[in-house]
Amino acid sequence: MPIRIGGYRDCTGNPQPCIDQGRGLTLYGRDVGVNILAAHNYHGYQWLSRVAVGRTVVVTSGQLAGTYRVTGHMRLNRQSGSIPSFGGADLVLQSCEGSGTGFSLLRRVS
């Protein structure tokens, strides 16, 4: 069964205040060429960085609407700094993991 994401806020350019408000997923990264949906793990979004490889994610609204498949994961040992290269992922789901940051990497399938 696919994971469905129904909505998010576009906070490209200044995402941290949106993420900190904890009102759902925040889109950012478009200004550097990658679509990232992020939220804090302590707001119930710890699952974002741990979606199983091969799982389907359906975004049902907005400019990211479509079907994606998880192709891998990435973890950084920090919670700030520059956005890493995600190897051509079409969508990245991000949440903190302890003192680091975790990512699920997705490719669009339709």
N, C-alpha and C. Protein backbone atom coordinates (compact mmCIF):
# COMPACT_ATOMS: atom_id res chain seq x y z
N MET A 1 0.84 -1.18 0.00
CA MET A 1 0.00 0.00 0.00
C MET A 1 0.89 1.25 0.00
N PRO A 2 0.64 2.18 -0.89
CA PRO A 2 1.50 3.37 -0.97
C PRO A 2 1.26 4.33 0.20
N ILE A 3 2.30 5.09 0.50
CA ILE A 3 2.18 6.20 1.44
C ILE A 3 1.61 7.37 0.66
N ARG A 4 0.62 8.05 1.21
CA ARG A 4 0.02 9.21 0.54
C ARG A 4 0.37 10.48 1.30
N ILE A 5 0.85 11.45 0.55
CA ILE A 5 1.15 12.78 1.09
C ILE A 5 0.17 13.74 0.43
N GLY A 6 -0.69 14.35 1.25
CA GLY A 6 -1.76 15.17 0.72
C GLY A 6 -1.47 16.65 0.62
N GLY A 7 -0.50 17.13 1.35
CA GLY A 7 -0.24 18.56 1.31
C GLY A 7 1.07 18.92 1.98
N TYR A 8 1.55 20.10 1.66
CA TYR A 8 2.79 20.61 2.21
C TYR A 8 2.81 22.12 1.97
N ARG A 9 3.68 22.79 2.71
CA ARG A 9 3.85 24.24 2.54
C ARG A 9 5.14 24.51 1.78
N ASP A 10 5.10 25.40 0.82
CA ASP A 10 6.30 25.76 0.07
C ASP A 10 7.00 26.90 0.79
N CYS A 11 8.13 26.60 1.38
CA CYS A 11 8.92 27.59 2.11
C CYS A 11 10.32 27.70 1.54
N THR A 12 10.44 27.52 0.23
CA THR A 12 11.73 27.62 -0.44
C THR A 12 12.33 28.99 -0.15
N GLY A 13 13.60 29.02 0.19
CA GLY A 13 14.28 30.27 0.49
C GLY A 13 14.45 30.50 1.98
N ASN A 14 13.51 30.06 2.81
CA ASN A 14 13.61 30.23 4.26
C ASN A 14 12.80 29.14 4.95
N PRO A 15 13.22 27.88 4.85
CA PRO A 15 12.38 26.78 5.32
C PRO A 15 12.35 26.57 6.82
N GLN A 16 13.42 26.92 7.53
CA GLN A 16 13.50 26.52 8.94
C GLN A 16 12.34 27.03 9.80
N PRO A 17 11.91 28.30 9.66
CA PRO A 17 10.76 28.73 10.47
C PRO A 17 9.50 27.90 10.19
N CYS A 18 9.29 27.54 8.93
CA CYS A 18 8.12 26.71 8.59
C CYS A 18 8.23 25.33 9.24
N ILE A 19 9.40 24.73 9.14
CA ILE A 19 9.61 23.41 9.74
C ILE A 19 9.42 23.49 11.25
N ASP A 20 9.97 24.52 11.88
CA ASP A 20 9.89 24.66 13.34
C ASP A 20 8.47 24.85 13.84
N GLN A 21 7.58 25.42 13.02
CA GLN A 21 6.19 25.61 13.43
C GLN A 21 5.45 24.29 13.59
N GLY A 22 5.93 23.25 12.94
CA GLY A 22 5.37 21.92 13.13
C GLY A 22 3.97 21.71 12.59
N ARG A 23 3.60 22.43 11.56
CA ARG A 23 2.26 22.31 11.00
C ARG A 23 2.19 21.39 9.78
N GLY A 24 3.10 20.46 9.68
CA GLY A 24 3.09 19.54 8.55
C GLY A 24 4.37 19.62 7.75
N LEU A 25 4.34 19.05 6.58
CA LEU A 25 5.52 18.98 5.74
C LEU A 25 5.83 20.32 5.10
N THR A 26 7.12 20.58 4.94
CA THR A 26 7.62 21.81 4.34
C THR A 26 8.44 21.47 3.10
N LEU A 27 8.11 22.08 1.98
CA LEU A 27 8.88 21.94 0.76
C LEU A 27 9.98 22.99 0.75
N TYR A 28 11.20 22.54 0.48
CA TYR A 28 12.29 23.49 0.26
C TYR A 28 13.33 22.83 -0.63
N GLY A 29 14.36 23.57 -0.97
CA GLY A 29 15.44 23.06 -1.78
C GLY A 29 15.27 23.32 -3.26
N ARG A 30 14.09 23.75 -3.68
CA ARG A 30 13.86 23.98 -5.11
C ARG A 30 14.81 25.04 -5.65
N ASP A 31 15.24 25.97 -4.79
CA ASP A 31 16.15 27.03 -5.23
C ASP A 31 17.55 26.51 -5.52
N VAL A 32 17.87 25.28 -5.11
CA VAL A 32 19.16 24.67 -5.42
C VAL A 32 18.99 23.41 -6.27
N GLY A 33 17.79 23.23 -6.82
CA GLY A 33 17.57 22.16 -7.77
C GLY A 33 17.14 20.82 -7.24
N VAL A 34 16.66 20.76 -6.02
CA VAL A 34 16.17 19.49 -5.47
C VAL A 34 14.90 19.74 -4.67
N ASN A 35 13.93 18.85 -4.80
CA ASN A 35 12.68 18.97 -4.05
C ASN A 35 12.79 18.17 -2.76
N ILE A 36 12.76 18.86 -1.64
CA ILE A 36 12.87 18.23 -0.33
C ILE A 36 11.61 18.52 0.46
N LEU A 37 10.99 17.47 1.00
CA LEU A 37 9.89 17.62 1.96
C LEU A 37 10.44 17.25 3.33
N ALA A 38 10.33 18.16 4.27
CA ALA A 38 10.95 17.96 5.58
C ALA A 38 9.98 18.30 6.70
N ALA A 39 10.22 17.69 7.85
CA ALA A 39 9.51 18.00 9.09
C ALA A 39 10.34 17.43 10.24
N HIS A 40 10.09 17.96 11.43
CA HIS A 40 10.84 17.48 12.60
C HIS A 40 10.38 16.09 13.03
N ASN A 41 11.32 15.28 13.44
CA ASN A 41 11.02 13.95 13.94
C ASN A 41 10.13 14.03 15.19
N TYR A 42 10.32 15.02 16.03
CA TYR A 42 9.54 15.13 17.26
C TYR A 42 8.14 15.70 17.02
N HIS A 43 7.81 16.02 15.80
CA HIS A 43 6.44 16.39 15.43
C HIS A 43 5.71 15.23 14.76
N GLY A 44 6.27 14.02 14.89
CA GLY A 44 5.64 12.83 14.34
C GLY A 44 6.11 12.42 12.96
N TYR A 45 7.17 13.04 12.48
CA TYR A 45 7.63 12.76 11.12
C TYR A 45 8.95 11.99 11.08
N GLN A 46 9.26 11.24 12.12
CA GLN A 46 10.49 10.45 12.14
C GLN A 46 10.52 9.42 11.00
N TRP A 47 9.35 9.04 10.51
CA TRP A 47 9.24 8.05 9.45
C TRP A 47 9.78 8.54 8.10
N LEU A 48 9.86 9.86 7.90
CA LEU A 48 10.27 10.39 6.60
C LEU A 48 11.62 9.84 6.13
N SER A 49 12.57 9.75 7.02
CA SER A 49 13.92 9.32 6.64
C SER A 49 14.07 7.81 6.60
N ARG A 50 13.01 7.07 6.92
CA ARG A 50 13.11 5.62 7.03
C ARG A 50 12.10 4.87 6.16
N VAL A 51 11.60 5.48 5.12
CA VAL A 51 10.65 4.80 4.25
C VAL A 51 11.42 3.68 3.53
N ALA A 52 10.87 2.50 3.55
CA ALA A 52 11.56 1.33 3.01
C ALA A 52 11.87 1.47 1.53
N VAL A 53 13.07 1.02 1.15
CA VAL A 53 13.45 1.00 -0.26
C VAL A 53 12.44 0.15 -1.02
N GLY A 54 11.99 0.67 -2.16
CA GLY A 54 10.99 0.00 -2.98
C GLY A 54 9.57 0.44 -2.70
N ARG A 55 9.35 1.11 -1.57
CA ARG A 55 8.00 1.57 -1.21
C ARG A 55 7.57 2.70 -2.13
N THR A 56 6.30 2.75 -2.45
CA THR A 56 5.73 3.79 -3.30
C THR A 56 5.18 4.91 -2.44
N VAL A 57 5.43 6.14 -2.86
CA VAL A 57 4.90 7.34 -2.20
C VAL A 57 4.13 8.12 -3.26
N VAL A 58 2.89 8.47 -2.95
CA VAL A 58 2.04 9.24 -3.86
C VAL A 58 1.82 10.62 -3.25
N VAL A 59 2.25 11.66 -3.97
CA VAL A 59 1.98 13.04 -3.57
C VAL A 59 0.74 13.45 -4.36
N THR A 60 -0.33 13.82 -3.64
CA THR A 60 -1.62 14.01 -4.28
C THR A 60 -1.94 15.45 -4.67
N SER A 61 -1.07 16.41 -4.32
CA SER A 61 -1.40 17.80 -4.64
C SER A 61 -0.14 18.61 -4.87
N GLY A 62 -0.34 19.79 -5.44
CA GLY A 62 0.76 20.74 -5.63
C GLY A 62 1.68 20.37 -6.78
N GLN A 63 2.77 21.13 -6.88
CA GLN A 63 3.70 20.94 -7.99
C GLN A 63 4.45 19.62 -7.94
N LEU A 64 4.45 18.94 -6.81
CA LEU A 64 5.12 17.64 -6.71
C LEU A 64 4.19 16.46 -6.94
N ALA A 65 2.93 16.73 -7.29
CA ALA A 65 1.95 15.64 -7.46
C ALA A 65 2.50 14.59 -8.41
N GLY A 66 2.41 13.34 -7.97
CA GLY A 66 2.88 12.23 -8.78
C GLY A 66 3.17 11.03 -7.91
N THR A 67 3.69 9.99 -8.54
CA THR A 67 4.02 8.75 -7.85
C THR A 67 5.53 8.56 -7.88
N TYR A 68 6.08 8.21 -6.73
CA TYR A 68 7.52 8.08 -6.56
C TYR A 68 7.83 6.73 -5.91
N ARG A 69 9.05 6.26 -6.11
CA ARG A 69 9.50 5.02 -5.47
C ARG A 69 10.80 5.31 -4.73
N VAL A 70 10.91 4.80 -3.50
CA VAL A 70 12.12 4.99 -2.69
C VAL A 70 13.24 4.13 -3.27
N THR A 71 14.38 4.78 -3.55
CA THR A 71 15.52 4.08 -4.14
C THR A 71 16.69 3.93 -3.18
N GLY A 72 16.69 4.66 -2.08
CA GLY A 72 17.80 4.57 -1.15
C GLY A 72 17.67 5.55 0.00
N HIS A 73 18.72 5.59 0.83
CA HIS A 73 18.75 6.47 1.99
C HIS A 73 20.11 7.14 2.10
N MET A 74 20.14 8.22 2.86
CA MET A 74 21.38 8.92 3.15
C MET A 74 21.28 9.45 4.57
N ARG A 75 22.41 9.52 5.26
CA ARG A 75 22.43 10.09 6.61
C ARG A 75 23.64 11.00 6.72
N LEU A 76 23.42 12.16 7.34
CA LEU A 76 24.49 13.10 7.64
C LEU A 76 24.67 13.16 9.14
N ASN A 77 25.89 13.36 9.60
CA ASN A 77 26.16 13.46 11.03
C ASN A 77 26.07 14.91 11.51
N ARG A 78 25.12 15.64 10.96
CA ARG A 78 24.88 17.04 11.34
C ARG A 78 23.43 17.38 11.04
N GLN A 79 22.99 18.52 11.60
CA GLN A 79 21.61 18.97 11.37
C GLN A 79 21.54 20.33 10.71
N SER A 80 22.60 20.77 10.11
CA SER A 80 22.57 22.05 9.40
C SER A 80 23.67 22.03 8.35
N GLY A 81 23.79 23.12 7.64
CA GLY A 81 24.84 23.21 6.63
C GLY A 81 24.28 23.09 5.22
N SER A 82 25.17 22.92 4.29
CA SER A 82 24.77 22.89 2.89
C SER A 82 24.01 21.62 2.55
N ILE A 83 23.19 21.73 1.51
CA ILE A 83 22.40 20.60 1.03
C ILE A 83 23.33 19.68 0.24
N PRO A 84 23.37 18.39 0.58
CA PRO A 84 24.26 17.48 -0.15
C PRO A 84 23.71 17.13 -1.53
N SER A 85 24.51 16.46 -2.32
CA SER A 85 24.05 15.93 -3.60
C SER A 85 23.28 14.64 -3.33
N PHE A 86 22.12 14.53 -3.92
CA PHE A 86 21.28 13.35 -3.70
C PHE A 86 21.28 12.41 -4.90
N GLY A 87 22.26 12.53 -5.77
CA GLY A 87 22.42 11.58 -6.86
C GLY A 87 21.27 11.50 -7.83
N GLY A 88 20.63 12.62 -8.12
CA GLY A 88 19.56 12.64 -9.10
C GLY A 88 18.19 12.28 -8.58
N ALA A 89 18.01 12.22 -7.27
CA ALA A 89 16.68 11.94 -6.71
C ALA A 89 15.71 13.02 -7.17
N ASP A 90 14.48 12.62 -7.47
CA ASP A 90 13.45 13.57 -7.87
C ASP A 90 12.74 14.18 -6.67
N LEU A 91 12.76 13.47 -5.56
CA LEU A 91 12.14 13.93 -4.32
C LEU A 91 12.91 13.34 -3.17
N VAL A 92 13.11 14.14 -2.11
CA VAL A 92 13.81 13.70 -0.91
C VAL A 92 12.90 13.97 0.28
N LEU A 93 12.77 12.98 1.16
CA LEU A 93 12.03 13.13 2.42
C LEU A 93 13.06 13.22 3.53
N GLN A 94 12.94 14.24 4.38
CA GLN A 94 13.98 14.52 5.38
C GLN A 94 13.41 14.68 6.77
N SER A 95 14.13 14.12 7.75
CA SER A 95 13.82 14.32 9.16
C SER A 95 15.11 14.14 9.95
N CYS A 96 15.17 14.74 11.13
CA CYS A 96 16.33 14.56 11.99
C CYS A 96 16.34 13.14 12.55
N GLU A 97 17.55 12.65 12.81
CA GLU A 97 17.77 11.36 13.46
C GLU A 97 18.83 11.57 14.52
N GLY A 98 18.43 11.68 15.77
CA GLY A 98 19.38 11.99 16.83
C GLY A 98 20.04 13.32 16.56
N SER A 99 21.39 13.33 16.54
CA SER A 99 22.11 14.57 16.26
C SER A 99 22.43 14.72 14.77
N GLY A 100 21.89 13.82 13.95
CA GLY A 100 22.12 13.87 12.51
C GLY A 100 20.84 14.11 11.74
N THR A 101 20.92 13.95 10.42
CA THR A 101 19.78 14.15 9.53
C THR A 101 19.69 12.95 8.60
N GLY A 102 18.48 12.43 8.45
CA GLY A 102 18.27 11.28 7.58
C GLY A 102 17.39 11.65 6.39
N PHE A 103 17.58 10.94 5.29
CA PHE A 103 16.87 11.21 4.04
C PHE A 103 16.43 9.91 3.40
N SER A 104 15.23 9.92 2.85
CA SER A 104 14.77 8.89 1.93
C SER A 104 14.83 9.50 0.54
N LEU A 105 15.44 8.79 -0.40
CA LEU A 105 15.64 9.29 -1.76
C LEU A 105 14.65 8.62 -2.69
N LEU A 106 13.91 9.41 -3.47
CA LEU A 106 12.85 8.88 -4.32
C LEU A 106 13.03 9.28 -5.77
N ARG A 107 12.58 8.41 -6.67
CA ARG A 107 12.54 8.70 -8.10
C ARG A 107 11.09 8.68 -8.55
N ARG A 108 10.75 9.60 -9.45
CA ARG A 108 9.39 9.66 -9.99
C ARG A 108 9.17 8.48 -10.91
N VAL A 109 8.00 7.83 -10.75
CA VAL A 109 7.64 6.72 -11.64
C VAL A 109 6.44 7.08 -12.50
N SER A 110 5.68 8.09 -12.12
CA SER A 110 4.59 8.60 -12.95
C SER A 110 4.09 9.94 -12.43
